[in-house]
Amino acid sequence: MLPKQLRERHGLREGVKLDVSEDGASIRLTPQPAPIEIVEEDGRLVAVGGAPVTDEDVRAILDDIRR
């Protein structure tokens, strides 16, 4: 089991699928992108699914844009 802080830092939540690769004495776990489906809601196309976006994600994106 991975420590909670590590899981939270890398967005690893229950149900996230991982790719596993081996490099010598180390193992790399890489989250697979969550599938997204486009559906029509009230006459508009909306993306459904994908990874949840946290407040930290939004702040990081805004910081990158402002630089």
C-alpha atoms as a PDB file:
ATOM      1  CA  MET A   1       0.000   0.000   0.000  1.00  0.00           C
ATOM      2  CA  LEU A   2       1.234   3.487  -0.833  1.00  0.00           C
ATOM      3  CA  PRO A   3       1.249   6.145   1.909  1.00  0.00           C
ATOM      4  CA  LYS A   4      -1.787   8.470   1.867  1.00  0.00           C
ATOM      5  CA  GLN A   5       0.284  11.642   1.313  1.00  0.00           C
ATOM      6  CA  LEU A   6       1.941  10.089  -1.733  1.00  0.00           C
ATOM      7  CA  ARG A   7      -1.401   8.954  -3.179  1.00  0.00           C
ATOM      8  CA  GLU A   8      -2.951  12.392  -2.662  1.00  0.00           C
ATOM      9  CA  ARG A   9       0.062  14.238  -4.117  1.00  0.00           C
ATOM     10  CA  HIS A  10      -0.189  12.225  -7.332  1.00  0.00           C
ATOM     11  CA  GLY A  11      -3.978  12.051  -7.588  1.00  0.00           C
ATOM     12  CA  LEU A  12      -4.167   8.314  -7.022  1.00  0.00           C
ATOM     13  CA  ARG A  13      -7.724   7.582  -5.965  1.00  0.00           C
ATOM     14  CA  GLU A  14      -9.667   4.359  -5.668  1.00  0.00           C
ATOM     15  CA  GLY A  15     -10.420   2.937  -9.099  1.00  0.00           C
ATOM     16  CA  VAL A  16      -7.552   4.727 -10.911  1.00  0.00           C
ATOM     17  CA  LYS A  17      -5.880   2.289 -13.296  1.00  0.00           C
ATOM     18  CA  LEU A  18      -2.081   2.224 -13.327  1.00  0.00           C
ATOM     19  CA  ASP A  19       0.528   1.303 -15.907  1.00  0.00           C
ATOM     20  CA  VAL A  20       3.417  -0.550 -14.264  1.00  0.00           C
ATOM     21  CA  SER A  21       6.934  -0.509 -15.691  1.00  0.00           C
ATOM     22  CA  GLU A  22      10.194  -1.897 -14.341  1.00  0.00           C
ATOM     23  CA  ASP A  23      13.622  -0.311 -14.664  1.00  0.00           C
ATOM     24  CA  GLY A  24      16.396  -2.256 -12.979  1.00  0.00           C
ATOM     25  CA  ALA A  25      15.711  -2.152  -9.243  1.00  0.00           C
ATOM     26  CA  SER A  26      12.825   0.328  -9.457  1.00  0.00           C
ATOM     27  CA  ILE A  27       9.147   0.085 -10.345  1.00  0.00           C
ATOM     28  CA  ARG A  28       7.220   3.004 -11.877  1.00  0.00           C
ATOM     29  CA  LEU A  29       3.463   3.391 -11.438  1.00  0.00           C
ATOM     30  CA  THR A  30       1.845   5.764 -13.936  1.00  0.00           C
ATOM     31  CA  PRO A  31      -1.862   6.625 -13.764  1.00  0.00           C
ATOM     32  CA  GLN A  32      -3.723   5.914 -16.988  1.00  0.00           C
ATOM     33  CA  PRO A  33      -5.824   8.786 -18.277  1.00  0.00           C
ATOM     34  CA  ALA A  34      -9.448   8.438 -17.221  1.00  0.00           C
ATOM     35  CA  PRO A  35     -11.789   7.861 -20.167  1.00  0.00           C
ATOM     36  CA  ILE A  36     -13.936  10.813 -21.214  1.00  0.00           C
ATOM     37  CA  GLU A  37     -17.223  10.568 -23.048  1.00  0.00           C
ATOM     38  CA  ILE A  38     -18.956  13.437 -24.869  1.00  0.00           C
ATOM     39  CA  VAL A  39     -22.719  13.487 -24.272  1.00  0.00           C
ATOM     40  CA  GLU A  40     -25.481  15.925 -25.068  1.00  0.00           C
ATOM     41  CA  GLU A  41     -27.165  17.612 -22.108  1.00  0.00           C
ATOM     42  CA  ASP A  42     -29.840  20.257 -22.633  1.00  0.00           C
ATOM     43  CA  GLY A  43     -28.737  20.730 -26.239  1.00  0.00           C
ATOM     44  CA  ARG A  44     -25.048  21.181 -25.342  1.00  0.00           C
ATOM     45  CA  LEU A  45     -22.111  18.808 -25.677  1.00  0.00           C
ATOM     46  CA  VAL A  46     -20.549  18.040 -22.303  1.00  0.00           C
ATOM     47  CA  ALA A  47     -17.465  16.006 -21.376  1.00  0.00           C
ATOM     48  CA  VAL A  48     -18.340  13.359 -18.781  1.00  0.00           C
ATOM     49  CA  GLY A  49     -15.825  11.328 -16.811  1.00  0.00           C
ATOM     50  CA  GLY A  50     -12.142  11.942 -16.557  1.00  0.00           C
ATOM     51  CA  ALA A  51     -10.163  12.680 -13.450  1.00  0.00           C
ATOM     52  CA  PRO A  52     -11.683  15.045 -10.902  1.00  0.00           C
ATOM     53  CA  VAL A  53     -10.169  18.537 -10.845  1.00  0.00           C
ATOM     54  CA  THR A  54      -9.154  19.828  -7.430  1.00  0.00           C
ATOM     55  CA  ASP A  55      -8.740  23.416  -6.234  1.00  0.00           C
ATOM     56  CA  GLU A  56      -4.978  22.813  -6.271  1.00  0.00           C
ATOM     57  CA  ASP A  57      -5.168  21.769  -9.946  1.00  0.00           C
ATOM     58  CA  VAL A  58      -6.982  25.008 -10.834  1.00  0.00           C
ATOM     59  CA  ARG A  59      -4.498  27.145  -8.866  1.00  0.00           C
ATOM     60  CA  ALA A  60      -1.542  25.462 -10.590  1.00  0.00           C
ATOM     61  CA  ILE A  61      -3.069  26.023 -14.033  1.00  0.00           C
ATOM     62  CA  LEU A  62      -3.787  29.692 -13.258  1.00  0.00           C
ATOM     63  CA  ASP A  63      -0.232  30.165 -11.944  1.00  0.00           C
ATOM     64  CA  ASP A  64       1.175  28.674 -15.170  1.00  0.00           C
ATOM     65  CA  ILE A  65      -1.015  30.947 -17.314  1.00  0.00           C
ATOM     66  CA  ARG A  66       0.012  34.053 -15.360  1.00  0.00           C
ATOM     67  CA  ARG A  67       3.733  33.421 -15.886  1.00  0.00           C
END
